[in-house]
Amino acid sequence: TFQENALIKAKYCFEKTGKPSVGDDSGLVVESLDGKPGIFSARYAGNHDLKKNIAKVLEELNGEPNRKAYFI
């Protein structure tokens, strides 16, 4: 989950520095794709390739009338 990823990041920074740390995670959630790309948004179609990620989401939405999405 987004929350679990943020916690992993914060714990990693704390282990490396010994200082209280905050982590975050974000991504695109598309209702009709059952929440995908979600936590995999940055690498959904490859290694952090924004154009390919967008193209993959649009391809998967082809013909889907419900395009509701939100960003976490």
N, C-alpha and C. Protein backbone atom coordinates (compact mmCIF):
# COMPACT_ATOMS: atom_id res chain seq x y z
N THR A 1 0.84 -1.19 0.00
CA THR A 1 0.00 0.00 0.00
C THR A 1 0.88 1.24 0.00
N PHE A 2 0.27 2.37 -0.27
CA PHE A 2 1.00 3.63 -0.21
C PHE A 2 1.57 3.85 1.19
N GLN A 3 0.77 3.55 2.18
CA GLN A 3 1.20 3.75 3.57
C GLN A 3 2.39 2.85 3.91
N GLU A 4 2.32 1.61 3.49
CA GLU A 4 3.43 0.68 3.77
C GLU A 4 4.72 1.14 3.08
N ASN A 5 4.62 1.61 1.84
CA ASN A 5 5.80 2.10 1.13
C ASN A 5 6.41 3.32 1.84
N ALA A 6 5.56 4.21 2.31
CA ALA A 6 6.05 5.39 3.02
C ALA A 6 6.76 4.98 4.30
N LEU A 7 6.21 4.00 5.00
CA LEU A 7 6.84 3.53 6.23
C LEU A 7 8.19 2.88 5.96
N ILE A 8 8.29 2.12 4.90
CA ILE A 8 9.56 1.49 4.51
C ILE A 8 10.62 2.57 4.28
N LYS A 9 10.24 3.63 3.58
CA LYS A 9 11.18 4.72 3.29
C LYS A 9 11.62 5.42 4.57
N ALA A 10 10.66 5.70 5.46
CA ALA A 10 10.99 6.38 6.71
C ALA A 10 11.91 5.52 7.58
N LYS A 11 11.61 4.23 7.67
CA LYS A 11 12.45 3.33 8.46
C LYS A 11 13.86 3.26 7.90
N TYR A 12 13.98 3.19 6.60
CA TYR A 12 15.29 3.14 5.96
C TYR A 12 16.12 4.37 6.33
N CYS A 13 15.52 5.53 6.21
CA CYS A 13 16.24 6.77 6.53
C CYS A 13 16.62 6.81 8.01
N PHE A 14 15.72 6.34 8.87
CA PHE A 14 16.04 6.31 10.30
C PHE A 14 17.22 5.38 10.57
N GLU A 15 17.22 4.22 9.93
CA GLU A 15 18.31 3.25 10.13
C GLU A 15 19.64 3.83 9.64
N LYS A 16 19.62 4.61 8.58
CA LYS A 16 20.86 5.17 8.02
C LYS A 16 21.36 6.38 8.81
N THR A 17 20.44 7.16 9.39
CA THR A 17 20.84 8.41 10.04
C THR A 17 20.68 8.41 11.55
N GLY A 18 19.81 7.54 12.06
CA GLY A 18 19.50 7.55 13.49
C GLY A 18 18.58 8.69 13.89
N LYS A 19 18.05 9.40 12.91
CA LYS A 19 17.18 10.55 13.17
C LYS A 19 15.75 10.22 12.77
N PRO A 20 14.78 10.75 13.53
CA PRO A 20 13.38 10.55 13.14
C PRO A 20 13.18 10.99 11.70
N SER A 21 12.46 10.19 10.94
CA SER A 21 12.30 10.43 9.52
C SER A 21 10.85 10.30 9.09
N VAL A 22 10.53 10.96 8.01
CA VAL A 22 9.20 10.88 7.41
C VAL A 22 9.37 10.39 5.99
N GLY A 23 8.51 9.48 5.57
CA GLY A 23 8.52 8.99 4.20
C GLY A 23 7.18 9.26 3.56
N ASP A 24 7.15 9.27 2.24
CA ASP A 24 5.88 9.42 1.55
C ASP A 24 5.86 8.53 0.32
N ASP A 25 4.69 8.32 -0.22
CA ASP A 25 4.54 7.58 -1.46
C ASP A 25 3.32 8.15 -2.15
N SER A 26 3.29 8.08 -3.46
CA SER A 26 2.18 8.63 -4.22
C SER A 26 1.99 7.84 -5.50
N GLY A 27 0.83 8.03 -6.11
CA GLY A 27 0.57 7.37 -7.36
C GLY A 27 -0.83 7.63 -7.87
N LEU A 28 -1.08 7.19 -9.07
CA LEU A 28 -2.37 7.34 -9.74
C LEU A 28 -3.23 6.11 -9.49
N VAL A 29 -4.48 6.34 -9.11
CA VAL A 29 -5.44 5.25 -8.87
C VAL A 29 -6.58 5.44 -9.86
N VAL A 30 -6.80 4.45 -10.73
CA VAL A 30 -7.86 4.51 -11.73
C VAL A 30 -8.94 3.52 -11.33
N GLU A 31 -10.15 4.03 -11.10
CA GLU A 31 -11.24 3.19 -10.60
C GLU A 31 -11.50 1.96 -11.46
N SER A 32 -11.65 2.16 -12.76
CA SER A 32 -12.03 1.04 -13.63
C SER A 32 -10.89 0.05 -13.87
N LEU A 33 -9.69 0.39 -13.42
CA LEU A 33 -8.55 -0.54 -13.53
C LEU A 33 -8.26 -1.16 -12.16
N ASP A 34 -9.28 -1.20 -11.32
CA ASP A 34 -9.16 -1.79 -9.98
C ASP A 34 -8.01 -1.17 -9.18
N GLY A 35 -7.85 0.15 -9.33
CA GLY A 35 -6.85 0.86 -8.56
C GLY A 35 -5.48 0.93 -9.18
N LYS A 36 -5.28 0.26 -10.31
CA LYS A 36 -3.98 0.34 -10.98
C LYS A 36 -3.81 1.70 -11.61
N PRO A 37 -2.66 2.18 -11.83
CA PRO A 37 -1.37 1.61 -11.53
C PRO A 37 -0.97 1.69 -10.05
N GLY A 38 -1.62 2.53 -9.27
CA GLY A 38 -1.40 2.55 -7.83
C GLY A 38 0.06 2.74 -7.44
N ILE A 39 0.54 1.89 -6.55
CA ILE A 39 1.91 2.03 -6.04
C ILE A 39 2.95 1.79 -7.12
N PHE A 40 2.54 1.28 -8.26
CA PHE A 40 3.47 1.01 -9.36
C PHE A 40 3.44 2.12 -10.42
N SER A 41 2.83 3.25 -10.12
CA SER A 41 2.64 4.32 -11.10
C SER A 41 3.92 4.74 -11.81
N ALA A 42 4.99 4.92 -11.08
CA ALA A 42 6.24 5.43 -11.67
C ALA A 42 6.89 4.43 -12.61
N ARG A 43 6.64 3.16 -12.42
CA ARG A 43 7.29 2.15 -13.26
C ARG A 43 6.27 1.19 -13.88
N TYR A 44 5.07 1.70 -14.13
CA TYR A 44 3.97 0.86 -14.62
C TYR A 44 4.29 0.20 -15.96
N ALA A 45 4.93 0.93 -16.85
CA ALA A 45 5.24 0.37 -18.18
C ALA A 45 6.73 0.29 -18.41
N GLY A 46 7.48 0.51 -17.40
CA GLY A 46 8.93 0.50 -17.55
C GLY A 46 9.59 1.27 -16.43
N ASN A 47 10.83 1.56 -16.59
CA ASN A 47 11.61 2.19 -15.55
C ASN A 47 11.43 3.71 -15.55
N HIS A 48 10.41 4.19 -14.86
CA HIS A 48 10.14 5.62 -14.69
C HIS A 48 10.02 6.34 -16.04
N ASP A 49 9.33 5.73 -16.98
CA ASP A 49 9.12 6.32 -18.30
C ASP A 49 7.70 6.88 -18.36
N LEU A 50 7.57 8.18 -18.11
CA LEU A 50 6.26 8.82 -18.00
C LEU A 50 5.41 8.60 -19.24
N LYS A 51 5.97 8.80 -20.42
CA LYS A 51 5.19 8.65 -21.66
C LYS A 51 4.67 7.22 -21.83
N LYS A 52 5.50 6.24 -21.53
CA LYS A 52 5.07 4.84 -21.64
C LYS A 52 4.02 4.51 -20.58
N ASN A 53 4.17 5.07 -19.38
CA ASN A 53 3.19 4.82 -18.32
C ASN A 53 1.83 5.37 -18.71
N ILE A 54 1.81 6.59 -19.24
CA ILE A 54 0.55 7.19 -19.68
C ILE A 54 -0.06 6.38 -20.81
N ALA A 55 0.75 5.99 -21.77
CA ALA A 55 0.25 5.22 -22.91
C ALA A 55 -0.35 3.89 -22.46
N LYS A 56 0.28 3.24 -21.48
CA LYS A 56 -0.24 1.96 -21.00
C LYS A 56 -1.59 2.14 -20.31
N VAL A 57 -1.71 3.16 -19.49
CA VAL A 57 -2.99 3.41 -18.82
C VAL A 57 -4.07 3.69 -19.85
N LEU A 58 -3.78 4.55 -20.82
CA LEU A 58 -4.77 4.88 -21.85
C LEU A 58 -5.14 3.65 -22.68
N GLU A 59 -4.17 2.81 -22.98
CA GLU A 59 -4.46 1.57 -23.72
C GLU A 59 -5.38 0.67 -22.92
N GLU A 60 -5.14 0.55 -21.64
CA GLU A 60 -5.98 -0.30 -20.79
C GLU A 60 -7.36 0.29 -20.61
N LEU A 61 -7.50 1.60 -20.75
CA LEU A 61 -8.80 2.26 -20.64
C LEU A 61 -9.56 2.28 -21.96
N ASN A 62 -8.97 1.79 -23.03
CA ASN A 62 -9.58 1.84 -24.35
C ASN A 62 -11.01 1.32 -24.30
N GLY A 63 -11.96 2.20 -24.62
CA GLY A 63 -13.37 1.82 -24.65
C GLY A 63 -14.05 1.86 -23.30
N GLU A 64 -13.31 2.10 -22.25
CA GLU A 64 -13.89 2.15 -20.90
C GLU A 64 -14.54 3.51 -20.68
N PRO A 65 -15.84 3.54 -20.41
CA PRO A 65 -16.50 4.84 -20.20
C PRO A 65 -16.12 5.49 -18.86
N ASN A 66 -15.84 4.69 -17.85
CA ASN A 66 -15.47 5.24 -16.55
C ASN A 66 -13.96 5.49 -16.49
N ARG A 67 -13.59 6.73 -16.58
CA ARG A 67 -12.18 7.10 -16.54
C ARG A 67 -11.85 7.88 -15.27
N LYS A 68 -12.67 7.68 -14.25
CA LYS A 68 -12.43 8.38 -12.98
C LYS A 68 -11.12 7.90 -12.38
N ALA A 69 -10.32 8.86 -11.95
CA ALA A 69 -9.02 8.56 -11.37
C ALA A 69 -8.69 9.63 -10.34
N TYR A 70 -7.81 9.29 -9.46
CA TYR A 70 -7.34 10.28 -8.49
C TYR A 70 -5.90 9.97 -8.15
N PHE A 71 -5.24 11.00 -7.62
CA PHE A 71 -3.84 10.90 -7.27
C PHE A 71 -3.72 10.88 -5.76
N ILE A 72 -3.00 9.89 -5.26
CA ILE A 72 -2.74 9.81 -3.82
C ILE A 72 -1.35 10.36 -3.59
